[in-house]
Every structure is written in structure tokens, then in C-alpha cells.
Amino acid sequence: ESRLPQYPADYNYLDEQSRFAWVARLADQVGEPGSDEWNEYIDFLIE
């Protein structure tokens, strides 16, 4: 639903607790496996 990842307001890349705890939440910002976007992306990598 966005072009850029959506970071929490208190996110700090230099704080690795913040960086690595947040990056797992990135999964909530992408579509589901099997969607058209997933299929197109995987085909693109293989091509």
C-alpha cells in the first residue's frame, strides 16, 4: 500500500534493537504469497 517502507515514528536505524525488531514487521506491509504481485516479482527474478 505504499512505495516506501512505513517506519514507526521512533525508529532509529543506528539502534540495532530498533532496526532488527522492526524489519520483521515489514512482512505485514507486503501482499500474500500467490498474489499477482508476488508471481510477477518471482518471474522477473527468474527471467
All heavy atoms as atom14 arrays in JSON, in Angstrom:
{
  "sequence": "ESRLPQYPADYNYLDEQSRFAWVARLADQVGEPGSDEWNEYIDFLIE",
  "atom14_mask": [
    [1, 1, 1, 1, 1, 1, 1, 1, 1, 0, 0, 0, 0, 0],
    [1, 1, 1, 1, 1, 1, 0, 0, 0, 0, 0, 0, 0, 0],
    [1, 1, 1, 1, 1, 1, 1, 1, 1, 1, 1, 0, 0, 0],
    [1, 1, 1, 1, 1, 1, 1, 1, 0, 0, 0, 0, 0, 0],
    [1, 1, 1, 1, 1, 1, 1, 0, 0, 0, 0, 0, 0, 0],
    [1, 1, 1, 1, 1, 1, 1, 1, 1, 0, 0, 0, 0, 0],
    [1, 1, 1, 1, 1, 1, 1, 1, 1, 1, 1, 1, 0, 0],
    [1, 1, 1, 1, 1, 1, 1, 0, 0, 0, 0, 0, 0, 0],
    [1, 1, 1, 1, 1, 0, 0, 0, 0, 0, 0, 0, 0, 0],
    [1, 1, 1, 1, 1, 1, 1, 1, 0, 0, 0, 0, 0, 0],
    [1, 1, 1, 1, 1, 1, 1, 1, 1, 1, 1, 1, 0, 0],
    [1, 1, 1, 1, 1, 1, 1, 1, 0, 0, 0, 0, 0, 0],
    [1, 1, 1, 1, 1, 1, 1, 1, 1, 1, 1, 1, 0, 0],
    [1, 1, 1, 1, 1, 1, 1, 1, 0, 0, 0, 0, 0, 0],
    [1, 1, 1, 1, 1, 1, 1, 1, 0, 0, 0, 0, 0, 0],
    [1, 1, 1, 1, 1, 1, 1, 1, 1, 0, 0, 0, 0, 0],
    [1, 1, 1, 1, 1, 1, 1, 1, 1, 0, 0, 0, 0, 0],
    [1, 1, 1, 1, 1, 1, 0, 0, 0, 0, 0, 0, 0, 0],
    [1, 1, 1, 1, 1, 1, 1, 1, 1, 1, 1, 0, 0, 0],
    [1, 1, 1, 1, 1, 1, 1, 1, 1, 1, 1, 0, 0, 0],
    [1, 1, 1, 1, 1, 0, 0, 0, 0, 0, 0, 0, 0, 0],
    [1, 1, 1, 1, 1, 1, 1, 1, 1, 1, 1, 1, 1, 1],
    [1, 1, 1, 1, 1, 1, 1, 0, 0, 0, 0, 0, 0, 0],
    [1, 1, 1, 1, 1, 0, 0, 0, 0, 0, 0, 0, 0, 0],
    [1, 1, 1, 1, 1, 1, 1, 1, 1, 1, 1, 0, 0, 0],
    [1, 1, 1, 1, 1, 1, 1, 1, 0, 0, 0, 0, 0, 0],
    [1, 1, 1, 1, 1, 0, 0, 0, 0, 0, 0, 0, 0, 0],
    [1, 1, 1, 1, 1, 1, 1, 1, 0, 0, 0, 0, 0, 0],
    [1, 1, 1, 1, 1, 1, 1, 1, 1, 0, 0, 0, 0, 0],
    [1, 1, 1, 1, 1, 1, 1, 0, 0, 0, 0, 0, 0, 0],
    [1, 1, 1, 1, 0, 0, 0, 0, 0, 0, 0, 0, 0, 0],
    [1, 1, 1, 1, 1, 1, 1, 1, 1, 0, 0, 0, 0, 0],
    [1, 1, 1, 1, 1, 1, 1, 0, 0, 0, 0, 0, 0, 0],
    [1, 1, 1, 1, 0, 0, 0, 0, 0, 0, 0, 0, 0, 0],
    [1, 1, 1, 1, 1, 1, 0, 0, 0, 0, 0, 0, 0, 0],
    [1, 1, 1, 1, 1, 1, 1, 1, 0, 0, 0, 0, 0, 0],
    [1, 1, 1, 1, 1, 1, 1, 1, 1, 0, 0, 0, 0, 0],
    [1, 1, 1, 1, 1, 1, 1, 1, 1, 1, 1, 1, 1, 1],
    [1, 1, 1, 1, 1, 1, 1, 1, 0, 0, 0, 0, 0, 0],
    [1, 1, 1, 1, 1, 1, 1, 1, 1, 0, 0, 0, 0, 0],
    [1, 1, 1, 1, 1, 1, 1, 1, 1, 1, 1, 1, 0, 0],
    [1, 1, 1, 1, 1, 1, 1, 1, 0, 0, 0, 0, 0, 0],
    [1, 1, 1, 1, 1, 1, 1, 1, 0, 0, 0, 0, 0, 0],
    [1, 1, 1, 1, 1, 1, 1, 1, 1, 1, 1, 0, 0, 0],
    [1, 1, 1, 1, 1, 1, 1, 1, 0, 0, 0, 0, 0, 0],
    [1, 1, 1, 1, 1, 1, 1, 1, 0, 0, 0, 0, 0, 0],
    [1, 1, 1, 1, 1, 1, 1, 1, 1, 0, 0, 0, 0, 0]
  ],
  "atom14_positions": [
    [[0.8, -1.22, 0.0], [0.0, 0.0, 0.0], [0.83, 1.27, 0.0], [0.32, 2.36, 0.28], [-0.94, 0.0, 1.22], [-1.95, -1.14, 1.19], [-2.88, -1.11, 2.39], [-2.62, -0.29, 3.3], [-3.84, -1.89, 2.41], [0.0, 0.0, 0.0], [0.0, 0.0, 0.0], [0.0, 0.0, 0.0], [0.0, 0.0, 0.0], [0.0, 0.0, 0.0]],
    [[2.12, 1.17, -0.25], [2.97, 2.36, -0.29], [4.18, 2.06, -1.15], [4.49, 0.9, -1.43], [3.41, 2.77, 1.12], [4.21, 1.76, 1.7], [0.0, 0.0, 0.0], [0.0, 0.0, 0.0], [0.0, 0.0, 0.0], [0.0, 0.0, 0.0], [0.0, 0.0, 0.0], [0.0, 0.0, 0.0], [0.0, 0.0, 0.0], [0.0, 0.0, 0.0]],
    [[4.87, 3.12, -1.57], [6.09, 2.93, -2.36], [7.29, 2.68, -1.46], [8.21, 1.96, -1.83], [6.34, 4.15, -3.25], [7.44, 3.92, -4.3], [7.71, 5.17, -5.09], [8.41, 6.18, -4.32], [9.72, 6.18, -4.09], [10.49, 5.21, -4.55], [10.27, 7.16, -3.4], [0.0, 0.0, 0.0], [0.0, 0.0, 0.0], [0.0, 0.0, 0.0]],
    [[7.28, 3.3, -0.26], [8.38, 3.18, 0.7], [7.93, 2.39, 1.91], [6.75, 2.4, 2.27], [8.84, 4.57, 1.14], [9.41, 5.49, 0.08], [9.73, 6.85, 0.7], [10.65, 4.88, -0.57], [0.0, 0.0, 0.0], [0.0, 0.0, 0.0], [0.0, 0.0, 0.0], [0.0, 0.0, 0.0], [0.0, 0.0, 0.0], [0.0, 0.0, 0.0]],
    [[8.86, 1.71, 2.59], [8.51, 1.06, 3.86], [7.99, 2.1, 4.86], [8.45, 3.24, 4.88], [9.83, 0.46, 4.32], [10.67, 0.37, 3.11], [10.28, 1.5, 2.24], [0.0, 0.0, 0.0], [0.0, 0.0, 0.0], [0.0, 0.0, 0.0], [0.0, 0.0, 0.0], [0.0, 0.0, 0.0], [0.0, 0.0, 0.0], [0.0, 0.0, 0.0]],
    [[7.06, 1.68, 5.68], [6.5, 2.57, 6.7], [7.18, 2.27, 8.03], [6.98, 1.21, 8.62], [4.99, 2.35, 6.8], [4.26, 2.65, 5.5], [2.79, 2.33, 5.58], [2.12, 2.73, 6.54], [2.28, 1.61, 4.59], [0.0, 0.0, 0.0], [0.0, 0.0, 0.0], [0.0, 0.0, 0.0], [0.0, 0.0, 0.0], [0.0, 0.0, 0.0]],
    [[8.02, 3.21, 8.48], [8.76, 3.06, 9.73], [7.97, 3.66, 10.89], [7.29, 4.68, 10.71], [10.12, 3.75, 9.63], [11.0, 3.24, 8.52], [11.06, 3.91, 7.29], [11.78, 2.09, 8.68], [11.88, 3.46, 6.25], [12.6, 1.63, 7.64], [12.64, 2.32, 6.44], [13.42, 1.86, 5.43], [0.0, 0.0, 0.0], [0.0, 0.0, 0.0]],
    [[8.1, 3.11, 12.09], [7.48, 3.75, 13.24], [8.14, 5.09, 13.53], [9.3, 5.33, 13.15], [7.71, 2.75, 14.38], [8.84, 1.89, 13.93], [8.78, 1.85, 12.44], [0.0, 0.0, 0.0], [0.0, 0.0, 0.0], [0.0, 0.0, 0.0], [0.0, 0.0, 0.0], [0.0, 0.0, 0.0], [0.0, 0.0, 0.0], [0.0, 0.0, 0.0]],
    [[7.43, 5.96, 14.2], [7.92, 7.33, 14.42], [9.22, 7.36, 15.22], [10.04, 8.27, 15.04], [6.85, 8.15, 15.13], [0.0, 0.0, 0.0], [0.0, 0.0, 0.0], [0.0, 0.0, 0.0], [0.0, 0.0, 0.0], [0.0, 0.0, 0.0], [0.0, 0.0, 0.0], [0.0, 0.0, 0.0], [0.0, 0.0, 0.0], [0.0, 0.0, 0.0]],
    [[9.42, 6.4, 16.12], [10.63, 6.4, 16.95], [11.71, 5.47, 16.4], [12.66, 5.14, 17.1], [10.29, 6.01, 18.39], [9.69, 4.6, 18.48], [9.37, 4.01, 17.42], [9.54, 4.09, 19.61], [0.0, 0.0, 0.0], [0.0, 0.0, 0.0], [0.0, 0.0, 0.0], [0.0, 0.0, 0.0], [0.0, 0.0, 0.0], [0.0, 0.0, 0.0]],
    [[11.6, 5.08, 15.14], [12.59, 4.18, 14.53], [13.94, 4.85, 14.42], [14.05, 6.04, 14.1], [12.12, 3.76, 13.13], [13.08, 2.88, 12.39], [13.12, 1.51, 12.61], [13.98, 3.42, 11.47], [14.0, 0.7, 11.93], [14.87, 2.62, 10.77], [14.88, 1.26, 11.0], [15.77, 0.46, 10.32], [0.0, 0.0, 0.0], [0.0, 0.0, 0.0]],
    [[15.01, 4.1, 14.68], [16.37, 4.61, 14.57], [17.25, 3.52, 13.98], [17.54, 2.52, 14.64], [16.9, 5.04, 15.94], [18.33, 5.56, 15.87], [18.91, 5.68, 14.79], [18.9, 5.86, 17.02], [0.0, 0.0, 0.0], [0.0, 0.0, 0.0], [0.0, 0.0, 0.0], [0.0, 0.0, 0.0], [0.0, 0.0, 0.0], [0.0, 0.0, 0.0]],
    [[17.68, 3.69, 12.75], [18.48, 2.67, 12.07], [19.76, 2.34, 12.82], [20.23, 1.21, 12.8], [18.79, 3.15, 10.64], [19.61, 2.18, 9.83], [19.0, 1.11, 9.18], [21.0, 2.32, 9.71], [19.75, 0.21, 8.42], [21.75, 1.43, 8.97], [21.12, 0.37, 8.32], [21.86, -0.52, 7.59], [0.0, 0.0, 0.0], [0.0, 0.0, 0.0]],
    [[20.36, 3.33, 13.49], [21.61, 3.1, 14.19], [21.45, 2.31, 15.48], [22.44, 1.83, 16.04], [22.31, 4.44, 14.49], [22.84, 5.2, 13.27], [23.48, 6.5, 13.72], [23.83, 4.35, 12.48], [0.0, 0.0, 0.0], [0.0, 0.0, 0.0], [0.0, 0.0, 0.0], [0.0, 0.0, 0.0], [0.0, 0.0, 0.0], [0.0, 0.0, 0.0]],
    [[20.24, 2.19, 15.94], [19.96, 1.36, 17.12], [19.54, -0.01, 16.6], [18.44, -0.19, 16.07], [18.84, 1.99, 17.94], [18.52, 1.19, 19.2], [18.94, 0.02, 19.3], [17.83, 1.74, 20.08], [0.0, 0.0, 0.0], [0.0, 0.0, 0.0], [0.0, 0.0, 0.0], [0.0, 0.0, 0.0], [0.0, 0.0, 0.0], [0.0, 0.0, 0.0]],
    [[20.42, -1.01, 16.74], [20.15, -2.29, 16.1], [18.97, -3.03, 16.72], [18.33, -3.84, 16.04], [21.41, -3.16, 16.09], [22.46, -2.63, 15.14], [23.48, -3.67, 14.71], [23.52, -4.77, 15.3], [24.23, -3.38, 13.76], [0.0, 0.0, 0.0], [0.0, 0.0, 0.0], [0.0, 0.0, 0.0], [0.0, 0.0, 0.0], [0.0, 0.0, 0.0]],
    [[18.66, -2.78, 17.98], [17.42, -3.34, 18.55], [16.23, -2.83, 17.75], [15.34, -3.59, 17.36], [17.28, -2.96, 20.02], [15.9, -3.17, 20.61], [15.64, -4.57, 21.13], [16.56, -5.27, 21.52], [14.38, -4.96, 21.16], [0.0, 0.0, 0.0], [0.0, 0.0, 0.0], [0.0, 0.0, 0.0], [0.0, 0.0, 0.0], [0.0, 0.0, 0.0]],
    [[16.21, -1.55, 17.48], [15.13, -0.96, 16.7], [15.14, -1.5, 15.27], [14.1, -1.88, 14.73], [15.29, 0.57, 16.69], [14.32, 1.2, 15.88], [0.0, 0.0, 0.0], [0.0, 0.0, 0.0], [0.0, 0.0, 0.0], [0.0, 0.0, 0.0], [0.0, 0.0, 0.0], [0.0, 0.0, 0.0], [0.0, 0.0, 0.0], [0.0, 0.0, 0.0]],
    [[16.33, -1.54, 14.66], [16.43, -1.94, 13.25], [15.94, -3.38, 13.04], [15.12, -3.65, 12.16], [17.88, -1.82, 12.78], [18.04, -2.08, 11.3], [19.46, -2.38, 10.88], [20.47, -1.52, 11.47], [21.78, -1.64, 11.23], [22.23, -2.59, 10.42], [22.65, -0.84, 11.82], [0.0, 0.0, 0.0], [0.0, 0.0, 0.0], [0.0, 0.0, 0.0]],
    [[16.45, -4.31, 13.85], [16.15, -5.71, 13.6], [14.8, -6.14, 14.17], [14.19, -7.09, 13.67], [17.27, -6.6, 14.13], [18.51, -6.53, 13.29], [19.56, -5.7, 13.62], [18.62, -7.28, 12.13], [20.7, -5.62, 12.84], [19.74, -7.21, 11.34], [20.79, -6.38, 11.69], [0.0, 0.0, 0.0], [0.0, 0.0, 0.0], [0.0, 0.0, 0.0]],
    [[14.31, -5.48, 15.2], [12.97, -5.77, 15.67], [11.94, -5.3, 14.65], [10.95, -5.99, 14.38], [12.72, -5.12, 17.02], [0.0, 0.0, 0.0], [0.0, 0.0, 0.0], [0.0, 0.0, 0.0], [0.0, 0.0, 0.0], [0.0, 0.0, 0.0], [0.0, 0.0, 0.0], [0.0, 0.0, 0.0], [0.0, 0.0, 0.0], [0.0, 0.0, 0.0]],
    [[12.19, -4.11, 14.05], [11.22, -3.58, 13.11], [11.2, -4.34, 11.8], [10.13, -4.56, 11.21], [11.51, -2.1, 12.81], [10.61, -1.62, 11.7], [9.34, -1.17, 11.81], [10.92, -1.64, 10.3], [8.82, -0.89, 10.56], [9.78, -1.18, 9.61], [12.05, -2.0, 9.56], [9.73, -1.07, 8.23], [12.0, -1.91, 8.18], [10.86, -1.43, 7.54]],
    [[12.35, -4.79, 11.31], [12.39, -5.33, 9.94], [11.48, -6.53, 9.8], [10.92, -6.78, 8.72], [13.85, -5.66, 9.53], [14.35, -6.94, 10.18], [13.98, -5.74, 8.01], [0.0, 0.0, 0.0], [0.0, 0.0, 0.0], [0.0, 0.0, 0.0], [0.0, 0.0, 0.0], [0.0, 0.0, 0.0], [0.0, 0.0, 0.0], [0.0, 0.0, 0.0]],
    [[11.27, -7.29, 10.89], [10.35, -8.43, 10.81], [8.93, -7.95, 10.56], [8.13, -8.66, 9.92], [10.42, -9.26, 12.08], [0.0, 0.0, 0.0], [0.0, 0.0, 0.0], [0.0, 0.0, 0.0], [0.0, 0.0, 0.0], [0.0, 0.0, 0.0], [0.0, 0.0, 0.0], [0.0, 0.0, 0.0], [0.0, 0.0, 0.0], [0.0, 0.0, 0.0]],
    [[8.59, -6.76, 11.06], [7.24, -6.23, 10.85], [7.02, -5.81, 9.41], [5.87, -5.52, 9.0], [6.99, -5.04, 11.78], [6.54, -5.41, 13.19], [7.61, -5.93, 14.09], [7.12, -6.13, 15.48], [7.87, -6.53, 16.49], [9.17, -6.8, 16.3], [7.34, -6.69, 17.69], [0.0, 0.0, 0.0], [0.0, 0.0, 0.0], [0.0, 0.0, 0.0]],
    [[8.08, -5.76, 8.61], [7.93, -5.45, 7.2], [7.04, -6.47, 6.5], [6.4, -6.17, 5.49], [9.31, -5.4, 6.54], [9.41, -4.94, 5.09], [8.88, -3.52, 4.94], [10.85, -5.02, 4.6], [0.0, 0.0, 0.0], [0.0, 0.0, 0.0], [0.0, 0.0, 0.0], [0.0, 0.0, 0.0], [0.0, 0.0, 0.0], [0.0, 0.0, 0.0]],
    [[7.0, -7.7, 7.03], [6.14, -8.73, 6.43], [4.68, -8.31, 6.41], [3.91, -8.76, 5.55], [6.31, -10.04, 7.2], [0.0, 0.0, 0.0], [0.0, 0.0, 0.0], [0.0, 0.0, 0.0], [0.0, 0.0, 0.0], [0.0, 0.0, 0.0], [0.0, 0.0, 0.0], [0.0, 0.0, 0.0], [0.0, 0.0, 0.0], [0.0, 0.0, 0.0]],
    [[4.28, -7.45, 7.35], [2.89, -7.01, 7.4], [2.56, -6.0, 6.31], [1.39, -5.7, 6.08], [2.6, -6.36, 8.76], [2.8, -7.33, 9.92], [2.62, -8.55, 9.71], [3.14, -6.87, 11.03], [0.0, 0.0, 0.0], [0.0, 0.0, 0.0], [0.0, 0.0, 0.0], [0.0, 0.0, 0.0], [0.0, 0.0, 0.0], [0.0, 0.0, 0.0]],
    [[3.6, -5.47, 5.63], [3.38, -4.42, 4.64], [3.37, -4.94, 3.2], [3.28, -4.16, 2.25], [4.45, -3.33, 4.78], [4.45, -2.66, 6.15], [5.49, -1.54, 6.23], [5.72, -0.82, 5.25], [6.09, -1.37, 7.4], [0.0, 0.0, 0.0], [0.0, 0.0, 0.0], [0.0, 0.0, 0.0], [0.0, 0.0, 0.0], [0.0, 0.0, 0.0]],
    [[3.52, -6.26, 3.04], [3.54, -6.83, 1.7], [2.31, -7.71, 1.51], [1.68, -8.15, 2.47], [4.83, -7.64, 1.45], [6.05, -6.77, 1.68], [4.89, -8.88, 2.33], [0.0, 0.0, 0.0], [0.0, 0.0, 0.0], [0.0, 0.0, 0.0], [0.0, 0.0, 0.0], [0.0, 0.0, 0.0], [0.0, 0.0, 0.0], [0.0, 0.0, 0.0]],
    [[2.0, -7.98, 0.25], [0.87, -8.83, -0.06], [1.13, -10.29, 0.29], [2.19, -10.66, 0.8], [0.0, 0.0, 0.0], [0.0, 0.0, 0.0], [0.0, 0.0, 0.0], [0.0, 0.0, 0.0], [0.0, 0.0, 0.0], [0.0, 0.0, 0.0], [0.0, 0.0, 0.0], [0.0, 0.0, 0.0], [0.0, 0.0, 0.0], [0.0, 0.0, 0.0]],
    [[0.17, -11.11, -0.01], [0.27, -12.52, 0.33], [0.93, -13.32, -0.78], [0.78, -13.01, -1.96], [-1.13, -13.08, 0.61], [-1.75, -12.59, 1.9], [-0.9, -12.94, 3.12], [-0.47, -14.1, 3.24], [-0.65, -12.04, 3.96], [0.0, 0.0, 0.0], [0.0, 0.0, 0.0], [0.0, 0.0, 0.0], [0.0, 0.0, 0.0], [0.0, 0.0, 0.0]],
    [[1.67, -14.36, -0.41], [2.22, -15.26, -1.43], [1.11, -15.77, -2.35], [-0.01, -16.06, -1.9], [2.82, -16.39, -0.6], [3.15, -15.77, 0.72], [2.07, -14.75, 0.96], [0.0, 0.0, 0.0], [0.0, 0.0, 0.0], [0.0, 0.0, 0.0], [0.0, 0.0, 0.0], [0.0, 0.0, 0.0], [0.0, 0.0, 0.0], [0.0, 0.0, 0.0]],
    [[1.44, -15.87, -3.64], [0.45, -16.3, -4.61], [-0.3, -15.17, -5.28], [-1.02, -15.4, -6.27], [0.0, 0.0, 0.0], [0.0, 0.0, 0.0], [0.0, 0.0, 0.0], [0.0, 0.0, 0.0], [0.0, 0.0, 0.0], [0.0, 0.0, 0.0], [0.0, 0.0, 0.0], [0.0, 0.0, 0.0], [0.0, 0.0, 0.0], [0.0, 0.0, 0.0]],
    [[-0.15, -13.94, -4.76], [-0.82, -12.8, -5.39], [-0.15, -12.49, -6.73], [0.95, -12.95, -7.03], [-0.76, -11.58, -4.48], [0.59, -11.15, -4.31], [0.0, 0.0, 0.0], [0.0, 0.0, 0.0], [0.0, 0.0, 0.0], [0.0, 0.0, 0.0], [0.0, 0.0, 0.0], [0.0, 0.0, 0.0], [0.0, 0.0, 0.0], [0.0, 0.0, 0.0]],
    [[-0.83, -11.69, -7.53], [-0.26, -11.3, -8.84], [1.09, -10.63, -8.66], [2.01, -10.86, -9.46], [-1.22, -10.36, -9.57], [-2.49, -11.07, -10.04], [-2.49, -12.32, -10.08], [-3.47, -10.37, -10.37], [0.0, 0.0, 0.0], [0.0, 0.0, 0.0], [0.0, 0.0, 0.0], [0.0, 0.0, 0.0], [0.0, 0.0, 0.0], [0.0, 0.0, 0.0]],
    [[1.2, -9.76, -7.62], [2.46, -9.04, -7.41], [3.6, -10.01, -7.09], [4.72, -9.85, -7.6], [2.3, -8.03, -6.28], [1.38, -6.85, -6.6], [-0.1, -7.2, -6.52], [-0.43, -8.3, -6.02], [-0.92, -6.37, -6.95], [0.0, 0.0, 0.0], [0.0, 0.0, 0.0], [0.0, 0.0, 0.0], [0.0, 0.0, 0.0], [0.0, 0.0, 0.0]],
    [[3.31, -10.99, -6.24], [4.34, -11.99, -5.9], [4.74, -12.77, -7.15], [5.94, -12.98, -7.41], [3.82, -12.95, -4.83], [3.96, -12.45, -3.44], [3.27, -11.43, -2.89], [4.83, -12.96, -2.43], [3.66, -11.24, -1.58], [4.62, -12.17, -1.28], [5.76, -13.98, -2.38], [5.31, -12.38, -0.08], [6.45, -14.21, -1.2], [6.23, -13.41, -0.07]],
    [[3.77, -13.23, -7.9], [4.07, -14.04, -9.09], [4.89, -13.26, -10.11], [5.84, -13.77, -10.7], [2.77, -14.54, -9.72], [2.07, -15.58, -8.86], [2.71, -16.29, -8.08], [0.76, -15.67, -8.99], [0.0, 0.0, 0.0], [0.0, 0.0, 0.0], [0.0, 0.0, 0.0], [0.0, 0.0, 0.0], [0.0, 0.0, 0.0], [0.0, 0.0, 0.0]],
    [[4.52, -12.0, -10.32], [5.26, -11.16, -11.27], [6.69, -10.94, -10.81], [7.63, -10.95, -11.63], [4.54, -9.82, -11.45], [3.22, -9.93, -12.2], [2.42, -8.64, -12.15], [2.96, -7.63, -11.62], [1.27, -8.65, -12.63], [0.0, 0.0, 0.0], [0.0, 0.0, 0.0], [0.0, 0.0, 0.0], [0.0, 0.0, 0.0], [0.0, 0.0, 0.0]],
    [[6.87, -10.72, -9.51], [8.21, -10.46, -8.99], [9.08, -11.71, -9.12], [10.24, -11.62, -9.57], [8.13, -10.03, -7.53], [9.48, -9.78, -6.89], [10.31, -8.77, -7.36], [9.94, -10.58, -5.83], [11.56, -8.55, -6.78], [11.17, -10.36, -5.26], [11.98, -9.35, -5.73], [13.21, -9.14, -5.17], [0.0, 0.0, 0.0], [0.0, 0.0, 0.0]],
    [[8.55, -12.87, -8.76], [9.34, -14.11, -8.86], [9.68, -14.4, -10.31], [10.83, -14.75, -10.64], [8.56, -15.28, -8.23], [8.47, -15.08, -6.71], [9.23, -16.61, -8.54], [7.51, -16.01, -6.01], [0.0, 0.0, 0.0], [0.0, 0.0, 0.0], [0.0, 0.0, 0.0], [0.0, 0.0, 0.0], [0.0, 0.0, 0.0], [0.0, 0.0, 0.0]],
    [[8.73, -14.22, -11.22], [9.01, -14.43, -12.64], [10.1, -13.47, -13.12], [10.98, -13.85, -13.92], [7.74, -14.23, -13.47], [6.74, -15.37, -13.29], [7.14, -16.45, -12.8], [5.55, -15.17, -13.63], [0.0, 0.0, 0.0], [0.0, 0.0, 0.0], [0.0, 0.0, 0.0], [0.0, 0.0, 0.0], [0.0, 0.0, 0.0], [0.0, 0.0, 0.0]],
    [[10.05, -12.23, -12.65], [11.06, -11.24, -13.02], [12.46, -11.69, -12.59], [13.42, -11.6, -13.37], [10.71, -9.9, -12.38], [11.79, -8.87, -12.46], [12.0, -8.14, -13.62], [12.62, -8.62, -11.36], [13.01, -7.18, -13.69], [13.63, -7.68, -11.42], [13.82, -6.95, -12.6], [0.0, 0.0, 0.0], [0.0, 0.0, 0.0], [0.0, 0.0, 0.0]],
    [[12.59, -12.18, -11.36], [13.89, -12.65, -10.88], [14.4, -13.8, -11.74], [15.59, -13.85, -12.1], [13.78, -13.11, -9.42], [13.46, -12.04, -8.37], [13.33, -12.68, -7.0], [14.51, -10.93, -8.35], [0.0, 0.0, 0.0], [0.0, 0.0, 0.0], [0.0, 0.0, 0.0], [0.0, 0.0, 0.0], [0.0, 0.0, 0.0], [0.0, 0.0, 0.0]],
    [[13.53, -14.73, -12.08], [13.95, -15.89, -12.87], [14.32, -15.49, -14.29], [15.33, -15.95, -14.84], [12.85, -16.97, -12.84], [12.71, -17.53, -11.42], [13.15, -18.08, -13.83], [11.51, -18.4, -11.2], [0.0, 0.0, 0.0], [0.0, 0.0, 0.0], [0.0, 0.0, 0.0], [0.0, 0.0, 0.0], [0.0, 0.0, 0.0], [0.0, 0.0, 0.0]],
    [[13.53, -14.62, -14.88], [13.83, -14.16, -16.25], [15.19, -13.48, -16.33], [15.83, -13.49, -17.39], [12.74, -13.2, -16.71], [11.41, -13.88, -17.0], [10.26, -12.88, -17.1], [10.53, -11.65, -17.02], [9.1, -13.33, -17.23], [0.0, 0.0, 0.0], [0.0, 0.0, 0.0], [0.0, 0.0, 0.0], [0.0, 0.0, 0.0], [0.0, 0.0, 0.0]]
  ]
}
